[in-house]
Amino acid sequence: MPASHTGDFLITSTSGAAALPFATVTADLFQQVFRQPPFSVNEATLARQRKYFPQLTNRPGFRLTLAQTADTYLGFGYGYLLPSDSRWWSNIVEPLDEDFVQETGGRTFAIIDYGVLPRWRGCGIGRAIHDELLAGSGAARATLAVRPSAVETQAIYRRWGWRKIGHEIMEPPAPAPEFDVLVLNQMPGITR
């Protein structure tokens, strides 16, 4: 697991099945981050995360990035490269150009879950995780979905260069049926 020191915390990344030993750590962080408002996830959502995380590690381009001190995990982020047959863009209400939604298997990295423990926010940890996760993805752009009610989270993403391209309506049993979909075209560590 490659590591880099940033201030008083360590950022590490891993990919594919090598991330499986961190499933419990990731589930614990997910619970601590997303039980808080405005997310307020329920037990069913927590159970789904514990189930889908190991499955995601099999996806091409899967990456997990963690932040930690010597004895405490502080935050996490993970996602994967959208495959050429991805349905990621299919639930977006607004019409999107065909060229925009065309995937190659390496064009777009989708952040699935990402967060920092509440007491560690504002210390640069979230940005360090974000940049490391995306810089190592090899993708030309990134995407994520975030709840409209997560106003502060969306403001952070906008400051980092993300832009909203539309909103999607998920089919039940999604815990939150509507999300704003954001895209980042200028990836960290990649100059164009």
C-alpha atoms as a PDB file:
ATOM      1  CA  MET A   1       0.000   0.000   0.000  1.00  0.00           C
ATOM      2  CA  PRO A   2       1.824   3.196  -1.155  1.00  0.00           C
ATOM      3  CA  ALA A   3       1.902   5.895   1.523  1.00  0.00           C
ATOM      4  CA  SER A   4       2.551   9.620   1.730  1.00  0.00           C
ATOM      5  CA  HIS A   5       2.771  11.874   4.775  1.00  0.00           C
ATOM      6  CA  THR A   6       0.725  15.045   4.814  1.00  0.00           C
ATOM      7  CA  GLY A   7       1.033  17.040   8.026  1.00  0.00           C
ATOM      8  CA  ASP A   8       0.120  14.853  10.982  1.00  0.00           C
ATOM      9  CA  PHE A   9      -1.615  12.141   8.981  1.00  0.00           C
ATOM     10  CA  LEU A  10      -0.690   9.425   6.533  1.00  0.00           C
ATOM     11  CA  ILE A  11      -2.462   8.837   3.202  1.00  0.00           C
ATOM     12  CA  THR A  12      -2.375   5.301   1.786  1.00  0.00           C
ATOM     13  CA  SER A  13      -3.938   3.827  -1.329  1.00  0.00           C
ATOM     14  CA  THR A  14      -4.563   0.311  -2.483  1.00  0.00           C
ATOM     15  CA  SER A  15      -6.398  -1.266  -5.381  1.00  0.00           C
ATOM     16  CA  GLY A  16      -8.451  -4.310  -6.254  1.00  0.00           C
ATOM     17  CA  ALA A  17      -8.555  -7.289  -3.901  1.00  0.00           C
ATOM     18  CA  ALA A  18      -5.724  -5.793  -1.818  1.00  0.00           C
ATOM     19  CA  ALA A  19      -8.418  -3.495  -0.364  1.00  0.00           C
ATOM     20  CA  LEU A  20     -10.447  -6.400   1.085  1.00  0.00           C
ATOM     21  CA  PRO A  21      -8.592  -6.454   4.448  1.00  0.00           C
ATOM     22  CA  PHE A  22      -9.795  -2.864   4.950  1.00  0.00           C
ATOM     23  CA  ALA A  23     -13.509  -3.698   4.575  1.00  0.00           C
ATOM     24  CA  THR A  24     -14.181  -3.438   8.328  1.00  0.00           C
ATOM     25  CA  VAL A  25     -12.225  -0.186   8.652  1.00  0.00           C
ATOM     26  CA  THR A  26     -14.103   1.272   5.699  1.00  0.00           C
ATOM     27  CA  ALA A  27     -17.494   0.138   7.038  1.00  0.00           C
ATOM     28  CA  ASP A  28     -16.725   1.716  10.410  1.00  0.00           C
ATOM     29  CA  LEU A  29     -15.706   5.014   8.797  1.00  0.00           C
ATOM     30  CA  PHE A  30     -18.762   4.924   6.524  1.00  0.00           C
ATOM     31  CA  GLN A  31     -21.020   4.496   9.552  1.00  0.00           C
ATOM     32  CA  GLN A  32     -19.394   7.316  11.517  1.00  0.00           C
ATOM     33  CA  VAL A  33     -19.518   9.726   8.568  1.00  0.00           C
ATOM     34  CA  PHE A  34     -22.918   8.929   7.104  1.00  0.00           C
ATOM     35  CA  ARG A  35     -24.939   8.448  10.298  1.00  0.00           C
ATOM     36  CA  GLN A  36     -24.543  12.214  10.721  1.00  0.00           C
ATOM     37  CA  PRO A  37     -26.912  14.758   9.160  1.00  0.00           C
ATOM     38  CA  PRO A  38     -27.568  15.569   6.383  1.00  0.00           C
ATOM     39  CA  PHE A  39     -27.059  11.914   5.397  1.00  0.00           C
ATOM     40  CA  SER A  40     -28.521  10.154   8.459  1.00  0.00           C
ATOM     41  CA  VAL A  41     -28.334   6.700   6.884  1.00  0.00           C
ATOM     42  CA  ASN A  42     -30.218   3.804   8.448  1.00  0.00           C
ATOM     43  CA  GLU A  43     -29.141   0.280   9.352  1.00  0.00           C
ATOM     44  CA  ALA A  44     -30.226  -1.090   5.962  1.00  0.00           C
ATOM     45  CA  THR A  45     -27.897   1.341   4.173  1.00  0.00           C
ATOM     46  CA  LEU A  46     -25.022   0.384   6.455  1.00  0.00           C
ATOM     47  CA  ALA A  47     -25.665  -3.291   5.713  1.00  0.00           C
ATOM     48  CA  ARG A  48     -25.718  -2.578   1.954  1.00  0.00           C
ATOM     49  CA  GLN A  49     -22.346  -0.821   2.188  1.00  0.00           C
ATOM     50  CA  ARG A  50     -20.832  -3.785   4.024  1.00  0.00           C
ATOM     51  CA  LYS A  51     -22.158  -6.046   1.259  1.00  0.00           C
ATOM     52  CA  TYR A  52     -21.222  -4.000  -1.817  1.00  0.00           C
ATOM     53  CA  PHE A  53     -17.728  -2.886  -0.747  1.00  0.00           C
ATOM     54  CA  PRO A  54     -16.139  -6.347  -1.246  1.00  0.00           C
ATOM     55  CA  GLN A  55     -17.951  -6.671  -4.592  1.00  0.00           C
ATOM     56  CA  LEU A  56     -16.622  -3.305  -5.774  1.00  0.00           C
ATOM     57  CA  THR A  57     -13.020  -4.380  -5.206  1.00  0.00           C
ATOM     58  CA  ASN A  58     -13.429  -6.703  -8.219  1.00  0.00           C
ATOM     59  CA  ARG A  59     -14.271  -3.842 -10.574  1.00  0.00           C
ATOM     60  CA  PRO A  60     -11.552  -2.684 -12.959  1.00  0.00           C
ATOM     61  CA  GLY A  61      -9.703   0.335 -11.635  1.00  0.00           C
ATOM     62  CA  PHE A  62     -11.017  -0.014  -8.070  1.00  0.00           C
ATOM     63  CA  ARG A  63      -9.050   2.160  -5.618  1.00  0.00           C
ATOM     64  CA  LEU A  64      -9.309   2.745  -1.880  1.00  0.00           C
ATOM     65  CA  THR A  65      -7.578   5.672  -0.187  1.00  0.00           C
ATOM     66  CA  LEU A  66      -7.388   5.992   3.608  1.00  0.00           C
ATOM     67  CA  ALA A  67      -6.120   8.725   5.936  1.00  0.00           C
ATOM     68  CA  GLN A  68      -4.823   7.832   9.365  1.00  0.00           C
ATOM     69  CA  THR A  69      -2.708   8.905  12.292  1.00  0.00           C
ATOM     70  CA  ALA A  70      -0.480   6.375  14.051  1.00  0.00           C
ATOM     71  CA  ASP A  71      -3.486   4.761  15.726  1.00  0.00           C
ATOM     72  CA  THR A  72      -6.702   6.141  14.185  1.00  0.00           C
ATOM     73  CA  TYR A  73      -8.318   6.078  10.747  1.00  0.00           C
ATOM     74  CA  LEU A  74      -9.618   9.546   9.895  1.00  0.00           C
ATOM     75  CA  GLY A  75     -11.228   9.282   6.477  1.00  0.00           C
ATOM     76  CA  PHE A  76     -11.646   7.263   3.302  1.00  0.00           C
ATOM     77  CA  GLY A  77     -12.592   7.337  -0.341  1.00  0.00           C
ATOM     78  CA  TYR A  78     -13.119   4.626  -2.921  1.00  0.00           C
ATOM     79  CA  GLY A  79     -14.389   4.115  -6.415  1.00  0.00           C
ATOM     80  CA  TYR A  80     -13.661   2.524  -9.773  1.00  0.00           C
ATOM     81  CA  LEU A  81     -13.323   3.204 -13.483  1.00  0.00           C
ATOM     82  CA  LEU A  82     -16.622   3.221 -15.347  1.00  0.00           C
ATOM     83  CA  PRO A  83     -16.699   0.352 -17.873  1.00  0.00           C
ATOM     84  CA  SER A  84     -17.577   0.911 -21.518  1.00  0.00           C
ATOM     85  CA  ASP A  85     -21.052  -0.527 -20.895  1.00  0.00           C
ATOM     86  CA  SER A  86     -21.652   1.637 -17.798  1.00  0.00           C
ATOM     87  CA  ARG A  87     -25.179   2.682 -16.903  1.00  0.00           C
ATOM     88  CA  TRP A  88     -23.902   5.465 -14.612  1.00  0.00           C
ATOM     89  CA  TRP A  89     -25.423   8.227 -16.740  1.00  0.00           C
ATOM     90  CA  SER A  90     -28.740   6.467 -17.497  1.00  0.00           C
ATOM     91  CA  ASN A  91     -30.796   7.786 -14.547  1.00  0.00           C
ATOM     92  CA  ILE A  92     -29.909  11.438 -15.084  1.00  0.00           C
ATOM     93  CA  VAL A  93     -33.025  13.444 -15.841  1.00  0.00           C
ATOM     94  CA  GLU A  94     -31.349  16.152 -17.933  1.00  0.00           C
ATOM     95  CA  PRO A  95     -30.358  15.182 -21.492  1.00  0.00           C
ATOM     96  CA  LEU A  96     -26.616  14.653 -21.939  1.00  0.00           C
ATOM     97  CA  ASP A  97     -24.634  14.700 -25.157  1.00  0.00           C
ATOM     98  CA  GLU A  98     -23.783  11.223 -26.500  1.00  0.00           C
ATOM     99  CA  ASP A  99     -20.067  12.079 -26.564  1.00  0.00           C
ATOM    100  CA  PHE A 100     -20.243  13.058 -22.899  1.00  0.00           C
ATOM    101  CA  VAL A 101     -21.702   9.733 -21.716  1.00  0.00           C
ATOM    102  CA  GLN A 102     -19.493   7.528 -23.925  1.00  0.00           C
ATOM    103  CA  GLU A 103     -17.235   5.465 -21.659  1.00  0.00           C
ATOM    104  CA  THR A 104     -14.058   3.646 -22.622  1.00  0.00           C
ATOM    105  CA  GLY A 105     -13.262   1.752 -19.432  1.00  0.00           C
ATOM    106  CA  GLY A 106     -10.615   4.307 -18.506  1.00  0.00           C
ATOM    107  CA  ARG A 107     -12.184   7.701 -19.182  1.00  0.00           C
ATOM    108  CA  THR A 108     -14.123   8.283 -15.942  1.00  0.00           C
ATOM    109  CA  PHE A 109     -13.434   7.397 -12.322  1.00  0.00           C
ATOM    110  CA  ALA A 110     -16.590   7.199 -10.187  1.00  0.00           C
ATOM    111  CA  ILE A 111     -16.233   8.017  -6.505  1.00  0.00           C
ATOM    112  CA  ILE A 112     -18.699   5.748  -4.732  1.00  0.00           C
ATOM    113  CA  ASP A 113     -18.172   6.687  -1.070  1.00  0.00           C
ATOM    114  CA  TYR A 114     -15.950   9.319   0.477  1.00  0.00           C
ATOM    115  CA  GLY A 115     -15.792  11.043   3.842  1.00  0.00           C
ATOM    116  CA  VAL A 116     -13.819  12.318   6.822  1.00  0.00           C
ATOM    117  CA  LEU A 117     -14.731  11.851  10.474  1.00  0.00           C
ATOM    118  CA  PRO A 118     -16.509  14.990  11.739  1.00  0.00           C
ATOM    119  CA  ARG A 119     -13.880  16.003  14.299  1.00  0.00           C
ATOM    120  CA  TRP A 120     -11.114  15.831  11.655  1.00  0.00           C
ATOM    121  CA  ARG A 121     -12.796  18.026   9.047  1.00  0.00           C
ATOM    122  CA  GLY A 122     -11.160  21.303   8.109  1.00  0.00           C
ATOM    123  CA  CYS A 123      -7.613  19.912   8.493  1.00  0.00           C
ATOM    124  CA  GLY A 124      -6.911  19.209   4.806  1.00  0.00           C
ATOM    125  CA  ILE A 125      -7.572  15.480   5.179  1.00  0.00           C
ATOM    126  CA  GLY A 126     -10.526  15.394   2.802  1.00  0.00           C
ATOM    127  CA  ARG A 127      -8.612  17.213   0.072  1.00  0.00           C
ATOM    128  CA  ALA A 128      -5.587  14.926   0.529  1.00  0.00           C
ATOM    129  CA  ILE A 129      -7.770  11.808   0.197  1.00  0.00           C
ATOM    130  CA  HIS A 130      -9.594  13.302  -2.800  1.00  0.00           C
ATOM    131  CA  ASP A 131      -6.422  14.237  -4.652  1.00  0.00           C
ATOM    132  CA  GLU A 132      -4.605  10.957  -3.964  1.00  0.00           C
ATOM    133  CA  LEU A 133      -7.629   8.851  -4.929  1.00  0.00           C
ATOM    134  CA  LEU A 134      -8.148  10.668  -8.223  1.00  0.00           C
ATOM    135  CA  ALA A 135      -4.493  11.209  -9.172  1.00  0.00           C
ATOM    136  CA  GLY A 136      -3.871   7.472  -8.955  1.00  0.00           C
ATOM    137  CA  SER A 137      -6.959   6.540 -10.964  1.00  0.00           C
ATOM    138  CA  GLY A 138      -5.443   7.204 -14.385  1.00  0.00           C
ATOM    139  CA  ALA A 139      -8.789   8.613 -15.558  1.00  0.00           C
ATOM    140  CA  ALA A 140      -9.303  11.805 -17.536  1.00  0.00           C
ATOM    141  CA  ARG A 141     -12.276  12.894 -15.407  1.00  0.00           C
ATOM    142  CA  ALA A 142     -14.262  11.899 -12.325  1.00  0.00           C
ATOM    143  CA  THR A 143     -17.883  11.751 -11.296  1.00  0.00           C
ATOM    144  CA  LEU A 144     -19.863  11.290  -8.106  1.00  0.00           C
ATOM    145  CA  ALA A 145     -23.405  11.531  -6.829  1.00  0.00           C
ATOM    146  CA  VAL A 146     -24.321  13.537  -3.737  1.00  0.00           C
ATOM    147  CA  ARG A 147     -27.586  14.262  -2.005  1.00  0.00           C
ATOM    148  CA  PRO A 148     -29.080  17.680  -2.743  1.00  0.00           C
ATOM    149  CA  SER A 149     -29.489  18.214   1.019  1.00  0.00           C
ATOM    150  CA  ALA A 150     -25.696  17.971   1.527  1.00  0.00           C
ATOM    151  CA  VAL A 151     -25.274  21.694   0.874  1.00  0.00           C
ATOM    152  CA  GLU A 152     -21.926  22.065   2.682  1.00  0.00           C
ATOM    153  CA  THR A 153     -20.505  19.017   0.921  1.00  0.00           C
ATOM    154  CA  GLN A 154     -21.563  20.362  -2.457  1.00  0.00           C
ATOM    155  CA  ALA A 155     -19.962  23.744  -1.670  1.00  0.00           C
ATOM    156  CA  ILE A 156     -16.652  21.985  -0.960  1.00  0.00           C
ATOM    157  CA  TYR A 157     -16.849  20.098  -4.251  1.00  0.00           C
ATOM    158  CA  ARG A 158     -17.541  23.325  -6.159  1.00  0.00           C
ATOM    159  CA  ARG A 159     -14.463  24.953  -4.571  1.00  0.00           C
ATOM    160  CA  TRP A 160     -12.421  21.963  -5.767  1.00  0.00           C
ATOM    161  CA  GLY A 161     -13.613  22.393  -9.375  1.00  0.00           C
ATOM    162  CA  TRP A 162     -16.548  19.973  -9.547  1.00  0.00           C
ATOM    163  CA  ARG A 163     -19.657  21.032 -11.467  1.00  0.00           C
ATOM    164  CA  LYS A 164     -23.202  19.716 -11.388  1.00  0.00           C
ATOM    165  CA  ILE A 165     -24.322  18.210 -14.682  1.00  0.00           C
ATOM    166  CA  GLY A 166     -27.770  17.075 -13.573  1.00  0.00           C
ATOM    167  CA  HIS A 167     -29.688  15.036 -11.082  1.00  0.00           C
ATOM    168  CA  GLU A 168     -30.688  11.424 -11.054  1.00  0.00           C
ATOM    169  CA  ILE A 169     -33.684   9.629  -9.680  1.00  0.00           C
ATOM    170  CA  MET A 170     -32.862   6.175  -8.387  1.00  0.00           C
ATOM    171  CA  GLU A 171     -35.200   3.231  -8.340  1.00  0.00           C
ATOM    172  CA  PRO A 172     -36.213   1.846  -4.946  1.00  0.00           C
ATOM    173  CA  PRO A 173     -34.842   0.430  -2.675  1.00  0.00           C
ATOM    174  CA  ALA A 174     -32.315   3.296  -2.844  1.00  0.00           C
ATOM    175  CA  PRO A 175     -32.176   4.959   0.576  1.00  0.00           C
ATOM    176  CA  ALA A 176     -32.239   8.428  -0.977  1.00  0.00           C
ATOM    177  CA  PRO A 177     -33.925   8.349  -4.366  1.00  0.00           C
ATOM    178  CA  GLU A 178     -32.501  11.649  -5.690  1.00  0.00           C
ATOM    179  CA  PHE A 179     -28.892  12.708  -6.138  1.00  0.00           C
ATOM    180  CA  ASP A 180     -27.059  15.540  -7.845  1.00  0.00           C
ATOM    181  CA  VAL A 181     -24.430  14.202 -10.245  1.00  0.00           C
ATOM    182  CA  LEU A 182     -21.159  16.112 -10.396  1.00  0.00           C
ATOM    183  CA  VAL A 183     -18.176  15.904 -12.750  1.00  0.00           C
ATOM    184  CA  LEU A 184     -14.563  16.981 -12.331  1.00  0.00           C
ATOM    185  CA  ASN A 185     -12.725  17.531 -15.620  1.00  0.00           C
ATOM    186  CA  GLN A 186      -9.372  18.726 -14.238  1.00  0.00           C
ATOM    187  CA  MET A 187      -7.974  15.771 -12.326  1.00  0.00           C
ATOM    188  CA  PRO A 188      -5.407  16.289  -9.527  1.00  0.00           C
ATOM    189  CA  GLY A 189      -1.869  15.525 -10.613  1.00  0.00           C
ATOM    190  CA  ILE A 190      -2.782  15.555 -14.320  1.00  0.00           C
ATOM    191  CA  THR A 191      -1.928  18.587 -16.416  1.00  0.00           C
ATOM    192  CA  ARG A 192      -3.469  19.195 -19.796  1.00  0.00           C
END
